[in-house]
N, C-alpha and C. Protein backbone atom coordinates (compact mmCIF):
# COMPACT_ATOMS: atom_id res chain seq x y z
N GLN A 1 -91.78 72.56 -124.06
CA GLN A 1 -90.72 73.24 -123.37
C GLN A 1 -90.81 72.99 -121.87
N ILE A 2 -92.02 72.84 -121.38
CA ILE A 2 -92.19 72.54 -119.96
C ILE A 2 -91.50 71.21 -119.63
N TYR A 3 -91.68 70.22 -120.50
CA TYR A 3 -91.05 68.91 -120.29
C TYR A 3 -89.53 69.06 -120.25
N ALA A 4 -88.96 69.78 -121.20
CA ALA A 4 -87.51 69.95 -121.25
C ALA A 4 -87.01 70.69 -120.01
N MET A 5 -87.74 71.70 -119.58
CA MET A 5 -87.33 72.42 -118.37
C MET A 5 -87.43 71.53 -117.14
N ASN A 6 -88.49 70.73 -117.06
CA ASN A 6 -88.61 69.82 -115.92
C ASN A 6 -87.50 68.79 -115.90
N MET A 7 -87.11 68.30 -117.08
CA MET A 7 -86.00 67.35 -117.14
C MET A 7 -84.72 68.00 -116.64
N THR A 8 -84.51 69.26 -117.00
CA THR A 8 -83.32 69.96 -116.55
C THR A 8 -83.40 70.23 -115.05
N LEU A 9 -84.57 70.65 -114.57
CA LEU A 9 -84.72 70.88 -113.13
C LEU A 9 -84.54 69.60 -112.32
N MET A 10 -84.88 68.49 -112.91
CA MET A 10 -84.69 67.20 -112.24
C MET A 10 -83.19 66.97 -111.99
N LEU A 11 -82.36 67.49 -112.90
CA LEU A 11 -80.92 67.34 -112.76
C LEU A 11 -80.31 68.39 -111.83
N ARG A 12 -81.02 69.47 -111.64
CA ARG A 12 -80.51 70.58 -110.83
C ARG A 12 -81.53 71.00 -109.80
N PRO A 13 -81.80 70.13 -108.81
CA PRO A 13 -82.83 70.45 -107.81
C PRO A 13 -82.52 71.70 -106.99
N GLU A 14 -81.28 72.11 -106.96
CA GLU A 14 -80.93 73.30 -106.18
C GLU A 14 -81.56 74.57 -106.76
N LEU A 15 -81.99 74.53 -108.00
CA LEU A 15 -82.64 75.70 -108.62
C LEU A 15 -84.05 75.94 -108.11
N TRP A 16 -84.69 74.91 -107.59
CA TRP A 16 -86.09 75.04 -107.17
C TRP A 16 -86.27 76.14 -106.12
N ASN A 17 -85.41 76.17 -105.11
CA ASN A 17 -85.56 77.16 -104.03
C ASN A 17 -85.45 78.59 -104.55
N GLN A 18 -84.45 78.87 -105.37
CA GLN A 18 -84.29 80.24 -105.87
C GLN A 18 -85.41 80.60 -106.85
N MET A 19 -85.91 79.64 -107.61
CA MET A 19 -87.04 79.92 -108.49
C MET A 19 -88.29 80.25 -107.68
N HIS A 20 -88.52 79.49 -106.63
CA HIS A 20 -89.69 79.73 -105.78
C HIS A 20 -89.56 81.07 -105.06
N ALA A 21 -88.37 81.40 -104.62
CA ALA A 21 -88.16 82.68 -103.93
C ALA A 21 -88.41 83.85 -104.88
N ALA A 22 -88.02 83.69 -106.14
CA ALA A 22 -88.20 84.77 -107.13
C ALA A 22 -89.66 84.90 -107.56
N ASN A 23 -90.38 83.78 -107.61
CA ASN A 23 -91.78 83.81 -108.05
C ASN A 23 -92.48 82.59 -107.47
N PRO A 24 -93.16 82.74 -106.35
CA PRO A 24 -93.79 81.59 -105.69
C PRO A 24 -94.96 80.99 -106.46
N HIS A 25 -95.41 81.66 -107.53
CA HIS A 25 -96.53 81.12 -108.33
C HIS A 25 -96.07 80.08 -109.34
N GLY A 26 -94.78 79.94 -109.53
CA GLY A 26 -94.26 78.95 -110.47
C GLY A 26 -94.49 79.28 -111.93
N THR A 27 -94.61 80.56 -112.24
CA THR A 27 -94.91 80.96 -113.62
C THR A 27 -93.68 81.45 -114.37
N GLN A 28 -92.53 81.11 -113.92
CA GLN A 28 -91.31 81.53 -114.61
C GLN A 28 -90.45 80.32 -114.89
N GLY A 29 -89.60 80.47 -115.86
CA GLY A 29 -88.62 79.42 -116.15
C GLY A 29 -87.31 79.78 -115.49
N PHE A 30 -86.28 79.18 -115.97
CA PHE A 30 -84.94 79.50 -115.48
C PHE A 30 -84.05 79.63 -116.69
N SER A 31 -82.90 80.19 -116.50
CA SER A 31 -81.97 80.34 -117.61
C SER A 31 -80.59 79.96 -117.13
N GLY A 32 -79.70 79.83 -118.07
CA GLY A 32 -78.32 79.56 -117.71
C GLY A 32 -77.89 78.12 -117.91
N ASP A 33 -78.81 77.20 -118.14
CA ASP A 33 -78.41 75.82 -118.37
C ASP A 33 -78.30 75.59 -119.88
N PRO A 34 -77.11 75.25 -120.36
CA PRO A 34 -76.92 75.11 -121.82
C PRO A 34 -77.58 73.88 -122.42
N THR A 35 -78.11 72.99 -121.59
CA THR A 35 -78.72 71.77 -122.13
C THR A 35 -80.23 71.90 -122.35
N THR A 36 -80.85 72.94 -121.82
CA THR A 36 -82.31 73.04 -121.89
C THR A 36 -82.82 73.14 -123.33
N MET A 37 -82.28 74.04 -124.11
CA MET A 37 -82.76 74.20 -125.49
C MET A 37 -82.46 72.96 -126.34
N PRO A 38 -81.27 72.37 -126.26
CA PRO A 38 -81.05 71.13 -127.03
C PRO A 38 -82.00 70.00 -126.61
N ARG A 39 -82.32 69.91 -125.32
CA ARG A 39 -83.29 68.90 -124.86
C ARG A 39 -84.66 69.17 -125.49
N PHE A 40 -85.04 70.43 -125.50
CA PHE A 40 -86.32 70.82 -126.08
C PHE A 40 -86.36 70.47 -127.57
N LEU A 41 -85.29 70.77 -128.29
CA LEU A 41 -85.23 70.45 -129.71
C LEU A 41 -85.26 68.94 -129.95
N PHE A 42 -84.62 68.18 -129.08
CA PHE A 42 -84.62 66.71 -129.20
C PHE A 42 -86.04 66.17 -129.05
N VAL A 43 -86.75 66.68 -128.06
CA VAL A 43 -88.13 66.24 -127.83
C VAL A 43 -88.99 66.60 -129.04
N LEU A 44 -88.84 67.82 -129.54
CA LEU A 44 -89.64 68.25 -130.70
C LEU A 44 -89.33 67.43 -131.95
N ALA A 45 -88.07 67.10 -132.16
CA ALA A 45 -87.67 66.40 -133.38
C ALA A 45 -88.25 65.00 -133.47
N GLY A 46 -88.59 64.41 -132.35
CA GLY A 46 -89.20 63.09 -132.39
C GLY A 46 -90.55 63.09 -133.07
N GLY A 47 -91.26 64.22 -133.02
CA GLY A 47 -92.58 64.31 -133.64
C GLY A 47 -92.55 64.11 -135.15
N PRO A 48 -91.73 64.87 -135.87
CA PRO A 48 -91.68 64.65 -137.32
C PRO A 48 -91.17 63.27 -137.71
N LEU A 49 -90.26 62.71 -136.92
CA LEU A 49 -89.75 61.38 -137.24
C LEU A 49 -90.85 60.34 -137.10
N VAL A 50 -91.43 60.24 -135.93
CA VAL A 50 -92.46 59.22 -135.67
C VAL A 50 -93.74 59.54 -136.45
N GLY A 51 -94.16 60.80 -136.42
CA GLY A 51 -95.37 61.20 -137.13
C GLY A 51 -95.25 61.05 -138.64
N GLY A 52 -94.07 61.38 -139.16
CA GLY A 52 -93.86 61.25 -140.60
C GLY A 52 -93.93 59.80 -141.05
N LEU A 53 -93.34 58.92 -140.28
CA LEU A 53 -93.39 57.50 -140.66
C LEU A 53 -94.77 56.91 -140.42
N TRP A 54 -95.50 57.45 -139.47
CA TRP A 54 -96.90 57.03 -139.29
C TRP A 54 -97.71 57.46 -140.52
N THR A 55 -97.47 58.67 -140.97
CA THR A 55 -98.16 59.16 -142.16
C THR A 55 -97.83 58.30 -143.38
N ALA A 56 -96.56 57.93 -143.52
CA ALA A 56 -96.17 57.04 -144.62
C ALA A 56 -96.84 55.68 -144.49
N LEU A 57 -97.03 55.23 -143.26
CA LEU A 57 -97.72 53.96 -143.04
C LEU A 57 -99.19 54.07 -143.41
N ILE A 58 -99.82 55.17 -143.06
CA ILE A 58 -101.23 55.40 -143.41
C ILE A 58 -101.42 55.40 -144.93
N ALA A 59 -100.38 55.81 -145.65
CA ALA A 59 -100.47 55.85 -147.12
C ALA A 59 -100.72 54.48 -147.72
N ASN A 60 -100.56 53.42 -146.95
CA ASN A 60 -100.78 52.07 -147.44
C ASN A 60 -102.25 51.65 -147.39
N MET A 61 -103.09 52.49 -146.83
CA MET A 61 -104.51 52.14 -146.71
C MET A 61 -105.17 52.16 -148.08
N GLN A 62 -105.68 51.03 -148.47
CA GLN A 62 -106.23 50.86 -149.82
C GLN A 62 -107.50 51.66 -150.07
N TYR A 63 -108.22 52.03 -149.04
CA TYR A 63 -109.47 52.77 -149.24
C TYR A 63 -109.23 54.22 -149.62
N LEU A 64 -107.99 54.72 -149.47
CA LEU A 64 -107.69 56.10 -149.83
C LEU A 64 -107.50 56.22 -151.35
N GLU A 65 -107.83 57.37 -151.88
CA GLU A 65 -107.59 57.61 -153.30
C GLU A 65 -106.09 57.58 -153.58
N GLU A 66 -105.74 57.19 -154.77
CA GLU A 66 -104.32 57.08 -155.16
C GLU A 66 -103.58 58.40 -154.98
N SER A 67 -104.21 59.50 -155.35
CA SER A 67 -103.55 60.81 -155.22
C SER A 67 -103.27 61.14 -153.75
N VAL A 68 -104.19 60.80 -152.87
CA VAL A 68 -104.01 61.04 -151.44
C VAL A 68 -102.89 60.16 -150.91
N ARG A 69 -102.88 58.92 -151.32
CA ARG A 69 -101.83 57.99 -150.88
C ARG A 69 -100.45 58.49 -151.29
N LYS A 70 -100.33 59.01 -152.49
CA LYS A 70 -99.03 59.51 -152.97
C LYS A 70 -98.56 60.69 -152.12
N VAL A 71 -99.48 61.60 -151.84
CA VAL A 71 -99.12 62.76 -151.03
C VAL A 71 -98.72 62.33 -149.62
N LEU A 72 -99.50 61.46 -149.01
CA LEU A 72 -99.16 60.98 -147.67
C LEU A 72 -97.81 60.27 -147.65
N HIS A 73 -97.57 59.46 -148.65
CA HIS A 73 -96.31 58.70 -148.75
C HIS A 73 -95.12 59.64 -148.85
N LYS A 74 -95.16 60.56 -149.79
CA LYS A 74 -94.03 61.48 -149.99
C LYS A 74 -93.87 62.45 -148.83
N ALA A 75 -94.97 63.05 -148.40
CA ALA A 75 -94.88 64.03 -147.31
C ALA A 75 -94.43 63.37 -146.02
N GLY A 76 -94.99 62.21 -145.71
CA GLY A 76 -94.63 61.53 -144.47
C GLY A 76 -93.19 61.08 -144.44
N SER A 77 -92.75 60.44 -145.50
CA SER A 77 -91.36 59.95 -145.50
C SER A 77 -90.38 61.11 -145.53
N SER A 78 -90.70 62.18 -146.25
CA SER A 78 -89.82 63.36 -146.28
C SER A 78 -89.75 64.03 -144.91
N MET A 79 -90.90 64.15 -144.26
CA MET A 79 -90.95 64.75 -142.93
C MET A 79 -90.13 63.90 -141.95
N ALA A 80 -90.17 62.60 -142.10
CA ALA A 80 -89.41 61.71 -141.21
C ALA A 80 -87.91 61.87 -141.40
N VAL A 81 -87.48 62.10 -142.64
CA VAL A 81 -86.05 62.33 -142.88
C VAL A 81 -85.60 63.59 -142.14
N VAL A 82 -86.38 64.65 -142.26
CA VAL A 82 -86.06 65.89 -141.56
C VAL A 82 -86.04 65.65 -140.04
N GLY A 83 -87.02 64.91 -139.53
CA GLY A 83 -87.07 64.61 -138.11
C GLY A 83 -85.87 63.81 -137.64
N ALA A 84 -85.44 62.84 -138.45
CA ALA A 84 -84.28 62.02 -138.06
C ALA A 84 -83.01 62.87 -137.99
N VAL A 85 -82.83 63.73 -138.98
CA VAL A 85 -81.65 64.61 -138.98
C VAL A 85 -81.69 65.54 -137.78
N ALA A 86 -82.86 66.13 -137.52
CA ALA A 86 -83.00 67.05 -136.39
C ALA A 86 -82.81 66.33 -135.06
N MET A 87 -83.35 65.11 -134.96
CA MET A 87 -83.23 64.37 -133.70
C MET A 87 -81.78 63.95 -133.45
N ALA A 88 -81.11 63.48 -134.48
CA ALA A 88 -79.70 63.09 -134.32
C ALA A 88 -78.84 64.31 -133.98
N GLY A 89 -79.09 65.41 -134.67
CA GLY A 89 -78.30 66.61 -134.41
C GLY A 89 -78.53 67.18 -133.03
N SER A 90 -79.79 67.27 -132.63
CA SER A 90 -80.08 67.82 -131.30
C SER A 90 -79.64 66.87 -130.20
N GLY A 91 -79.71 65.57 -130.45
CA GLY A 91 -79.20 64.59 -129.47
C GLY A 91 -77.70 64.74 -129.27
N ALA A 92 -76.98 64.93 -130.39
CA ALA A 92 -75.53 65.16 -130.29
C ALA A 92 -75.25 66.46 -129.54
N LEU A 93 -76.09 67.46 -129.78
CA LEU A 93 -75.92 68.74 -129.09
C LEU A 93 -76.17 68.59 -127.59
N VAL A 94 -77.19 67.81 -127.22
CA VAL A 94 -77.46 67.56 -125.80
C VAL A 94 -76.23 66.96 -125.14
N MET A 95 -75.65 65.95 -125.79
CA MET A 95 -74.48 65.29 -125.20
C MET A 95 -73.27 66.23 -125.16
N SER A 96 -73.09 67.04 -126.21
CA SER A 96 -71.92 67.93 -126.24
C SER A 96 -72.01 69.04 -125.20
N LYS A 97 -73.21 69.36 -124.74
CA LYS A 97 -73.39 70.43 -123.75
C LYS A 97 -73.29 69.93 -122.31
N GLN A 98 -73.12 68.63 -122.14
CA GLN A 98 -73.00 68.09 -120.79
C GLN A 98 -71.66 68.50 -120.19
N PRO A 99 -71.62 68.81 -118.91
CA PRO A 99 -70.35 69.14 -118.27
C PRO A 99 -69.39 67.94 -118.31
N ALA A 100 -68.11 68.24 -118.29
CA ALA A 100 -67.09 67.18 -118.37
C ALA A 100 -67.27 66.16 -117.25
N GLU A 101 -67.63 66.63 -116.07
CA GLU A 101 -67.84 65.73 -114.93
C GLU A 101 -68.94 64.69 -115.22
N ILE A 102 -70.01 65.14 -115.85
CA ILE A 102 -71.12 64.24 -116.19
C ILE A 102 -70.66 63.24 -117.25
N MET A 103 -69.93 63.72 -118.25
CA MET A 103 -69.46 62.83 -119.31
C MET A 103 -68.50 61.78 -118.76
N GLN A 104 -67.68 62.14 -117.81
CA GLN A 104 -66.77 61.17 -117.19
C GLN A 104 -67.55 60.10 -116.44
N LYS A 105 -68.57 60.52 -115.71
CA LYS A 105 -69.39 59.56 -114.99
C LYS A 105 -70.17 58.67 -115.95
N LEU A 106 -70.67 59.26 -117.04
CA LEU A 106 -71.42 58.47 -118.03
C LEU A 106 -70.54 57.37 -118.64
N ALA A 107 -69.26 57.69 -118.81
CA ALA A 107 -68.34 56.71 -119.40
C ALA A 107 -68.21 55.45 -118.54
N THR A 108 -68.56 55.57 -117.26
CA THR A 108 -68.47 54.41 -116.37
C THR A 108 -69.81 53.68 -116.22
N MET A 109 -70.82 54.15 -116.95
CA MET A 109 -72.17 53.57 -116.87
C MET A 109 -72.48 52.84 -118.18
N PRO A 110 -72.27 51.53 -118.20
CA PRO A 110 -72.47 50.79 -119.45
C PRO A 110 -73.88 50.93 -120.03
N LEU A 111 -74.90 50.90 -119.18
CA LEU A 111 -76.27 50.98 -119.70
C LEU A 111 -76.52 52.32 -120.40
N ALA A 112 -76.04 53.39 -119.81
CA ALA A 112 -76.21 54.71 -120.42
C ALA A 112 -75.38 54.82 -121.69
N THR A 113 -74.17 54.31 -121.66
CA THR A 113 -73.29 54.39 -122.83
C THR A 113 -73.85 53.57 -123.98
N TYR A 114 -74.19 52.32 -123.72
CA TYR A 114 -74.76 51.48 -124.78
C TYR A 114 -76.14 52.00 -125.20
N GLY A 115 -76.87 52.54 -124.24
CA GLY A 115 -78.17 53.13 -124.56
C GLY A 115 -78.05 54.28 -125.53
N ALA A 116 -77.01 55.10 -125.37
CA ALA A 116 -76.78 56.21 -126.30
C ALA A 116 -76.47 55.68 -127.70
N TYR A 117 -75.66 54.64 -127.76
CA TYR A 117 -75.35 54.03 -129.06
C TYR A 117 -76.59 53.41 -129.70
N ILE A 118 -77.39 52.76 -128.89
CA ILE A 118 -78.62 52.15 -129.41
C ILE A 118 -79.58 53.24 -129.89
N CYS A 119 -79.69 54.30 -129.13
CA CYS A 119 -80.58 55.41 -129.49
C CYS A 119 -80.16 56.02 -130.83
N ILE A 120 -78.89 56.35 -130.97
CA ILE A 120 -78.44 56.98 -132.23
C ILE A 120 -78.58 55.99 -133.38
N THR A 121 -78.38 54.71 -133.11
CA THR A 121 -78.55 53.71 -134.16
C THR A 121 -79.99 53.65 -134.63
N THR A 122 -80.94 53.70 -133.69
CA THR A 122 -82.35 53.65 -134.09
C THR A 122 -82.76 54.92 -134.84
N ILE A 123 -82.22 56.06 -134.43
CA ILE A 123 -82.52 57.30 -135.15
C ILE A 123 -81.99 57.23 -136.58
N VAL A 124 -80.74 56.81 -136.70
CA VAL A 124 -80.13 56.72 -138.04
C VAL A 124 -80.85 55.68 -138.89
N LEU A 125 -81.15 54.53 -138.31
CA LEU A 125 -81.86 53.49 -139.05
C LEU A 125 -83.24 53.97 -139.50
N ALA A 126 -83.96 54.65 -138.61
CA ALA A 126 -85.27 55.19 -138.98
C ALA A 126 -85.11 56.22 -140.10
N GLY A 127 -84.07 57.02 -140.03
CA GLY A 127 -83.82 58.01 -141.09
C GLY A 127 -83.50 57.35 -142.42
N VAL A 128 -82.68 56.30 -142.38
CA VAL A 128 -82.34 55.57 -143.61
C VAL A 128 -83.59 54.92 -144.20
N LEU A 129 -84.40 54.31 -143.34
CA LEU A 129 -85.65 53.70 -143.83
C LEU A 129 -86.59 54.77 -144.40
N ALA A 130 -86.60 55.94 -143.79
CA ALA A 130 -87.42 57.04 -144.31
C ALA A 130 -86.92 57.48 -145.69
N ILE A 131 -85.61 57.52 -145.85
CA ILE A 131 -85.03 57.87 -147.16
C ILE A 131 -85.42 56.83 -148.20
N VAL A 132 -85.30 55.55 -147.83
CA VAL A 132 -85.69 54.49 -148.75
C VAL A 132 -87.16 54.64 -149.13
N LEU A 133 -88.01 54.89 -148.15
CA LEU A 133 -89.43 55.10 -148.45
C LEU A 133 -89.64 56.31 -149.35
N ALA A 134 -88.93 57.39 -149.07
CA ALA A 134 -89.09 58.61 -149.87
C ALA A 134 -88.67 58.40 -151.32
N LEU A 135 -87.67 57.56 -151.52
CA LEU A 135 -87.17 57.32 -152.88
C LEU A 135 -88.04 56.35 -153.67
N ARG A 136 -88.87 55.62 -152.98
CA ARG A 136 -89.76 54.67 -153.66
C ARG A 136 -90.94 55.41 -154.26
N SER A 137 -91.34 54.99 -155.43
CA SER A 137 -92.47 55.66 -156.07
C SER A 137 -93.80 55.16 -155.51
N ARG A 138 -93.79 54.00 -154.89
CA ARG A 138 -95.02 53.44 -154.33
C ARG A 138 -94.78 53.08 -152.86
N GLU A 139 -95.86 53.04 -152.12
CA GLU A 139 -95.77 52.68 -150.71
C GLU A 139 -95.50 51.17 -150.58
N ASN A 140 -94.95 50.81 -149.46
CA ASN A 140 -94.63 49.42 -149.17
C ASN A 140 -95.03 49.17 -147.72
N PHE A 141 -96.05 48.35 -147.49
CA PHE A 141 -96.60 48.16 -146.15
C PHE A 141 -95.56 47.61 -145.18
N GLY A 142 -94.86 46.56 -145.55
CA GLY A 142 -93.89 45.94 -144.65
C GLY A 142 -92.77 46.90 -144.27
N LEU A 143 -92.25 47.61 -145.25
CA LEU A 143 -91.18 48.58 -144.99
C LEU A 143 -91.69 49.74 -144.14
N SER A 144 -92.93 50.15 -144.40
CA SER A 144 -93.52 51.25 -143.62
C SER A 144 -93.71 50.85 -142.16
N VAL A 145 -94.16 49.64 -141.92
CA VAL A 145 -94.33 49.16 -140.54
C VAL A 145 -92.98 49.09 -139.85
N LEU A 146 -91.99 48.51 -140.51
CA LEU A 146 -90.64 48.40 -139.94
C LEU A 146 -90.09 49.78 -139.60
N ALA A 147 -90.20 50.72 -140.53
CA ALA A 147 -89.68 52.07 -140.31
C ALA A 147 -90.37 52.73 -139.12
N TRP A 148 -91.69 52.59 -139.04
CA TRP A 148 -92.42 53.21 -137.94
C TRP A 148 -92.05 52.60 -136.60
N VAL A 149 -91.92 51.28 -136.54
CA VAL A 149 -91.53 50.62 -135.29
C VAL A 149 -90.14 51.07 -134.86
N VAL A 150 -89.21 51.13 -135.81
CA VAL A 150 -87.86 51.60 -135.49
C VAL A 150 -87.91 53.05 -135.00
N SER A 151 -88.76 53.87 -135.62
CA SER A 151 -88.85 55.27 -135.18
C SER A 151 -89.38 55.37 -133.75
N LEU A 152 -90.26 54.47 -133.37
CA LEU A 152 -90.75 54.46 -131.98
C LEU A 152 -89.64 54.11 -131.00
N LEU A 153 -88.72 53.27 -131.44
CA LEU A 153 -87.62 52.87 -130.57
C LEU A 153 -86.66 54.03 -130.29
N ALA A 154 -86.60 55.01 -131.18
CA ALA A 154 -85.67 56.12 -130.99
C ALA A 154 -85.96 56.88 -129.69
N PRO A 155 -87.17 57.41 -129.48
CA PRO A 155 -87.40 58.10 -128.20
C PRO A 155 -87.44 57.16 -127.01
N ILE A 156 -87.84 55.92 -127.23
CA ILE A 156 -87.88 54.96 -126.13
C ILE A 156 -86.46 54.68 -125.63
N THR A 157 -85.53 54.44 -126.56
CA THR A 157 -84.15 54.14 -126.15
C THR A 157 -83.43 55.39 -125.64
N ALA A 158 -83.96 56.57 -125.95
CA ALA A 158 -83.35 57.80 -125.43
C ALA A 158 -83.46 57.90 -123.92
N THR A 159 -84.36 57.11 -123.33
CA THR A 159 -84.50 57.13 -121.88
C THR A 159 -83.25 56.57 -121.19
N LEU A 160 -82.51 55.71 -121.87
CA LEU A 160 -81.32 55.11 -121.24
C LEU A 160 -80.22 56.14 -121.00
N PRO A 161 -79.77 56.88 -122.01
CA PRO A 161 -78.76 57.90 -121.69
C PRO A 161 -79.32 59.02 -120.81
N ARG A 162 -80.61 59.36 -120.99
CA ARG A 162 -81.21 60.40 -120.14
C ARG A 162 -81.16 59.98 -118.67
N ASP A 163 -81.47 58.71 -118.41
CA ASP A 163 -81.42 58.21 -117.04
C ASP A 163 -79.98 58.22 -116.52
N GLY A 164 -79.03 57.89 -117.39
CA GLY A 164 -77.62 57.94 -116.99
C GLY A 164 -77.18 59.35 -116.65
N ILE A 165 -77.62 60.31 -117.47
CA ILE A 165 -77.28 61.72 -117.19
C ILE A 165 -77.85 62.14 -115.85
N ARG A 166 -79.10 61.74 -115.60
CA ARG A 166 -79.73 62.09 -114.32
C ARG A 166 -78.95 61.47 -113.16
N ASP A 167 -78.64 60.19 -113.27
CA ASP A 167 -77.90 59.52 -112.20
C ASP A 167 -76.53 60.17 -111.99
N ALA A 168 -75.86 60.49 -113.08
CA ALA A 168 -74.53 61.12 -112.97
C ALA A 168 -74.64 62.51 -112.34
N ALA A 169 -75.66 63.27 -112.71
CA ALA A 169 -75.81 64.63 -112.18
C ALA A 169 -76.15 64.63 -110.69
N LEU A 170 -76.92 63.64 -110.27
CA LEU A 170 -77.38 63.61 -108.88
C LEU A 170 -76.43 62.87 -107.94
N SER A 171 -75.39 62.24 -108.49
CA SER A 171 -74.47 61.47 -107.63
C SER A 171 -73.26 62.32 -107.25
N LYS A 172 -73.50 63.35 -106.50
CA LYS A 172 -72.40 64.27 -106.13
C LYS A 172 -71.74 63.88 -104.86
């Protein structure tokens, strides 16, 4: 939550003075920004997506007992599906909570716009690969590696629209 609040404060530097005046120790948050909670949920949702596919990848280790491999495979791929849905949903919520002025500016920023499309594509693709893994009765090393790499790209590519939002918010 600290990360999500810092990302929001980065967009609204004018809040720093009033926060410091209210509590100079820096032990309070702020309220009133509709994007903070969706940002927090987006950050959290990346964990089950990437971690779940990592777990499914670990299930390919031959030294593990078959029963352990099955549990890791099913639990990891299922957790990744939940993470992909949560990440896509919270990402859409983050964008829907942006002020109209920011959205208009974002529309003129090709890197941010294409970055958002790339980000949602990687989230959806990772989710689809997680579903494919979950439906398989046995682990598949190549598919597990591909799914995990794609899942890593989801939060990495999220930096493009996030950077665009920051630039749009600060260009007053």
